[in-house]
Amino acid sequence: MKKDLPENLVQDIGIAVVLESDSPQGQSWNVYLINLKDRDLETVLISSKGYGRKDGVDVKTSILRHAIGSIPAKATARVEAIDEQVFGLTNEYLLSFYIDGQIFDKKYIFVPESIVESNMVRIPLLNKPGVLIL
C-alpha cells in the first residue's frame, strides 16, 4: 500500500516545538506546523506519539491524531500543546497533506533531549524561540 504512493519530496515544511511563555510558574510549549512554501497545503493530517525509556522503564505516550484542514502559503498552524516531561522521549510527528491532488508525507523526529536551549532558533513566521525540523 505505501509502496503504491508516489515518492513526493517534502521541502520547506517544518515542525517546530515553540516556547510560548517563560514565567516563574513554568514554561509553556506548543507544537506548530510551519508552511514556508508559496503553495497552500490541503487536507493536512498529523499524528504524534512519544516513546523511549525513562528511569529504566519503557514508556509510550498516547497516539494523537490531528485533522488540521488547509494551511495557506507562508502560514503556521498550532498542532498541540506539549509537556516538558516528554522532552526526554523520542517525539515523532507524521505529516500527510495534498498539493494539487498529489499526496505528500514526511516523518519528523525529535530525539530525546533535543528540545533544549542550545538547539533553539528563532522560528520563521512565528518570531518565537523553539526547535525546528525542516
C-alpha atoms as a PDB file:
ATOM      1  CA  MET A   1       0.000   0.000   0.000  1.00  0.00           C
ATOM      2  CA  LYS A   2       2.648   2.525   0.976  1.00  0.00           C
ATOM      3  CA  LYS A   3       4.702   1.268  -1.980  1.00  0.00           C
ATOM      4  CA  ASP A   4       1.854   2.409  -4.236  1.00  0.00           C
ATOM      5  CA  LEU A   5       2.203   6.044  -3.120  1.00  0.00           C
ATOM      6  CA  PRO A   6       4.345   8.365  -5.232  1.00  0.00           C
ATOM      7  CA  GLU A   7       7.634   9.428  -3.646  1.00  0.00           C
ATOM      8  CA  ASN A   8       6.911  13.143  -3.420  1.00  0.00           C
ATOM      9  CA  LEU A   9       9.683  15.056  -1.672  1.00  0.00           C
ATOM     10  CA  VAL A  10       8.573  17.337   1.175  1.00  0.00           C
ATOM     11  CA  GLN A  11      10.538  20.603   1.309  1.00  0.00           C
ATOM     12  CA  ASP A  12      10.006  23.961   3.018  1.00  0.00           C
ATOM     13  CA  ILE A  13       7.636  22.484   5.594  1.00  0.00           C
ATOM     14  CA  GLY A  14       8.680  22.008   9.194  1.00  0.00           C
ATOM     15  CA  ILE A  15       7.520  21.008  12.628  1.00  0.00           C
ATOM     16  CA  ALA A  16       8.587  23.260  15.491  1.00  0.00           C
ATOM     17  CA  VAL A  17       8.390  22.920  19.263  1.00  0.00           C
ATOM     18  CA  VAL A  18       7.920  26.529  20.346  1.00  0.00           C
ATOM     19  CA  LEU A  19       8.401  28.193  23.715  1.00  0.00           C
ATOM     20  CA  GLU A  20       5.248  30.284  24.125  1.00  0.00           C
ATOM     21  CA  SER A  21       5.931  31.720  27.559  1.00  0.00           C
ATOM     22  CA  ASP A  22       8.534  31.512  30.287  1.00  0.00           C
ATOM     23  CA  SER A  23       7.462  32.532  33.775  1.00  0.00           C
ATOM     24  CA  PRO A  24       8.383  31.654  37.366  1.00  0.00           C
ATOM     25  CA  GLN A  25       5.434  29.206  37.348  1.00  0.00           C
ATOM     26  CA  GLY A  26       6.946  27.301  34.398  1.00  0.00           C
ATOM     27  CA  GLN A  27       7.298  27.216  30.658  1.00  0.00           C
ATOM     28  CA  SER A  28       4.512  26.781  28.121  1.00  0.00           C
ATOM     29  CA  TRP A  29       5.306  24.873  24.902  1.00  0.00           C
ATOM     30  CA  ASN A  30       3.312  24.223  21.716  1.00  0.00           C
ATOM     31  CA  VAL A  31       3.974  22.281  18.518  1.00  0.00           C
ATOM     32  CA  TYR A  32       3.421  24.103  15.211  1.00  0.00           C
ATOM     33  CA  LEU A  33       3.372  23.170  11.561  1.00  0.00           C
ATOM     34  CA  ILE A  34       5.370  25.745   9.586  1.00  0.00           C
ATOM     35  CA  ASN A  35       4.497  26.115   5.880  1.00  0.00           C
ATOM     36  CA  LEU A  36       7.307  28.054   4.206  1.00  0.00           C
ATOM     37  CA  LYS A  37       6.048  27.104   0.727  1.00  0.00           C
ATOM     38  CA  ASP A  38       4.413  29.502  -1.718  1.00  0.00           C
ATOM     39  CA  ARG A  39       1.610  26.932  -2.047  1.00  0.00           C
ATOM     40  CA  ASP A  40      -1.370  26.086   0.157  1.00  0.00           C
ATOM     41  CA  LEU A  41      -1.468  22.687   1.876  1.00  0.00           C
ATOM     42  CA  GLU A  42      -4.771  20.826   1.727  1.00  0.00           C
ATOM     43  CA  THR A  43      -6.257  18.082   3.931  1.00  0.00           C
ATOM     44  CA  VAL A  44      -3.411  18.286   6.454  1.00  0.00           C
ATOM     45  CA  LEU A  45      -3.272  15.373   8.896  1.00  0.00           C
ATOM     46  CA  ILE A  46      -0.714  14.942  11.682  1.00  0.00           C
ATOM     47  CA  SER A  47      -0.266  12.097  14.129  1.00  0.00           C
ATOM     48  CA  SER A  48       2.041  12.377  17.116  1.00  0.00           C
ATOM     49  CA  LYS A  49       3.477   9.982  19.647  1.00  0.00           C
ATOM     50  CA  GLY A  50       6.278   9.734  22.164  1.00  0.00           C
ATOM     51  CA  TYR A  51       8.315   6.699  23.122  1.00  0.00           C
ATOM     52  CA  GLY A  52      11.536   5.704  24.859  1.00  0.00           C
ATOM     53  CA  ARG A  53      12.934   4.804  28.267  1.00  0.00           C
ATOM     54  CA  LYS A  54      12.517   6.858  31.404  1.00  0.00           C
ATOM     55  CA  ASP A  55      14.031   5.762  34.719  1.00  0.00           C
ATOM     56  CA  GLY A  56      14.803   2.342  33.195  1.00  0.00           C
ATOM     57  CA  VAL A  57      11.207   1.706  32.139  1.00  0.00           C
ATOM     58  CA  ASP A  58       9.840   1.622  28.569  1.00  0.00           C
ATOM     59  CA  VAL A  59       7.382   4.486  28.109  1.00  0.00           C
ATOM     60  CA  LYS A  60       4.866   5.203  25.326  1.00  0.00           C
ATOM     61  CA  THR A  61       2.515   8.141  25.092  1.00  0.00           C
ATOM     62  CA  SER A  62      -0.899   8.022  23.502  1.00  0.00           C
ATOM     63  CA  ILE A  63      -1.038   8.477  19.746  1.00  0.00           C
ATOM     64  CA  LEU A  64      -2.770  11.763  18.977  1.00  0.00           C
ATOM     65  CA  ARG A  65      -4.292  12.456  15.573  1.00  0.00           C
ATOM     66  CA  HIS A  66      -4.966  15.971  14.314  1.00  0.00           C
ATOM     67  CA  ALA A  67      -7.007  16.992  11.277  1.00  0.00           C
ATOM     68  CA  ILE A  68      -5.765  20.497  10.517  1.00  0.00           C
ATOM     69  CA  GLY A  69      -7.559  21.112   7.208  1.00  0.00           C
ATOM     70  CA  SER A  70      -5.947  23.642   4.874  1.00  0.00           C
ATOM     71  CA  ILE A  71      -2.944  25.826   5.631  1.00  0.00           C
ATOM     72  CA  PRO A  72      -2.268  28.849   3.421  1.00  0.00           C
ATOM     73  CA  ALA A  73       1.131  29.552   1.887  1.00  0.00           C
ATOM     74  CA  LYS A  74       3.656  31.131   4.282  1.00  0.00           C
ATOM     75  CA  ALA A  75       1.496  30.342   7.336  1.00  0.00           C
ATOM     76  CA  THR A  76       1.574  28.290  10.521  1.00  0.00           C
ATOM     77  CA  ALA A  77      -0.885  26.077  12.371  1.00  0.00           C
ATOM     78  CA  ARG A  78      -0.809  25.131  16.037  1.00  0.00           C
ATOM     79  CA  VAL A  79      -0.888  21.339  16.313  1.00  0.00           C
ATOM     80  CA  GLU A  80      -0.857  20.611  20.057  1.00  0.00           C
ATOM     81  CA  ALA A  81       0.484  21.596  23.443  1.00  0.00           C
ATOM     82  CA  ILE A  82       3.489  19.579  24.602  1.00  0.00           C
ATOM     83  CA  ASP A  83       4.648  18.953  28.180  1.00  0.00           C
ATOM     84  CA  GLU A  84       8.317  19.279  29.148  1.00  0.00           C
ATOM     85  CA  GLN A  85       8.111  15.850  30.788  1.00  0.00           C
ATOM     86  CA  VAL A  86       8.168  14.178  27.342  1.00  0.00           C
ATOM     87  CA  PHE A  87      11.293  16.026  26.140  1.00  0.00           C
ATOM     88  CA  GLY A  88      13.351  13.054  27.398  1.00  0.00           C
ATOM     89  CA  LEU A  89      11.484  10.761  24.991  1.00  0.00           C
ATOM     90  CA  THR A  90      11.585  10.457  21.220  1.00  0.00           C
ATOM     91  CA  ASN A  91       8.733  12.634  19.924  1.00  0.00           C
ATOM     92  CA  GLU A  92       7.535  11.654  16.462  1.00  0.00           C
ATOM     93  CA  TYR A  93       5.200  13.557  14.131  1.00  0.00           C
ATOM     94  CA  LEU A  94       3.855  12.041  10.917  1.00  0.00           C
ATOM     95  CA  LEU A  95       2.586  14.674   8.484  1.00  0.00           C
ATOM     96  CA  SER A  96       0.369  13.986   5.438  1.00  0.00           C
ATOM     97  CA  PHE A  97      -1.120  16.587   3.087  1.00  0.00           C
ATOM     98  CA  TYR A  98      -2.121  17.252  -0.502  1.00  0.00           C
ATOM     99  CA  ILE A  99      -0.977  19.811  -3.068  1.00  0.00           C
ATOM    100  CA  ASP A 100      -2.901  19.840  -6.374  1.00  0.00           C
ATOM    101  CA  GLY A 101      -4.336  16.390  -5.661  1.00  0.00           C
ATOM    102  CA  GLN A 102      -0.909  14.826  -5.023  1.00  0.00           C
ATOM    103  CA  ILE A 103      -0.286  13.288  -1.585  1.00  0.00           C
ATOM    104  CA  PHE A 104       2.852  14.063   0.400  1.00  0.00           C
ATOM    105  CA  ASP A 105       4.026  12.679   3.720  1.00  0.00           C
ATOM    106  CA  LYS A 106       7.032  13.036   5.990  1.00  0.00           C
ATOM    107  CA  LYS A 107       8.092  11.867   9.437  1.00  0.00           C
ATOM    108  CA  TYR A 108       9.677  14.393  11.825  1.00  0.00           C
ATOM    109  CA  ILE A 109      11.547  13.028  14.856  1.00  0.00           C
ATOM    110  CA  PHE A 110      12.752  14.999  17.871  1.00  0.00           C
ATOM    111  CA  VAL A 111      15.292  12.698  19.527  1.00  0.00           C
ATOM    112  CA  PRO A 112      15.469  12.573  23.353  1.00  0.00           C
ATOM    113  CA  GLU A 113      16.854  15.725  24.962  1.00  0.00           C
ATOM    114  CA  SER A 114      16.966  17.612  21.632  1.00  0.00           C
ATOM    115  CA  ILE A 115      14.427  20.201  22.791  1.00  0.00           C
ATOM    116  CA  VAL A 116      16.932  22.269  24.757  1.00  0.00           C
ATOM    117  CA  GLU A 117      18.013  25.901  24.771  1.00  0.00           C
ATOM    118  CA  SER A 118      21.239  25.214  22.838  1.00  0.00           C
ATOM    119  CA  ASN A 119      19.172  23.905  19.874  1.00  0.00           C
ATOM    120  CA  MET A 120      16.699  26.793  19.856  1.00  0.00           C
ATOM    121  CA  VAL A 121      16.399  29.171  16.909  1.00  0.00           C
ATOM    122  CA  ARG A 122      14.006  31.980  16.009  1.00  0.00           C
ATOM    123  CA  ILE A 123      11.104  30.176  14.317  1.00  0.00           C
ATOM    124  CA  PRO A 124      10.210  31.672  10.913  1.00  0.00           C
ATOM    125  CA  LEU A 125       6.737  33.233  10.588  1.00  0.00           C
ATOM    126  CA  LEU A 126       6.190  32.998  14.381  1.00  0.00           C
ATOM    127  CA  ASN A 127       9.203  35.018  15.533  1.00  0.00           C
ATOM    128  CA  LYS A 128       9.400  32.959  18.756  1.00  0.00           C
ATOM    129  CA  PRO A 129      12.173  30.727  20.130  1.00  0.00           C
ATOM    130  CA  GLY A 130      11.927  26.999  19.507  1.00  0.00           C
ATOM    131  CA  VAL A 131      13.422  23.883  17.960  1.00  0.00           C
ATOM    132  CA  LEU A 132      12.658  23.433  14.257  1.00  0.00           C
ATOM    133  CA  ILE A 133      12.968  20.395  11.999  1.00  0.00           C
ATOM    134  CA  LEU A 134      12.620  21.013   8.260  1.00  0.00           C
END
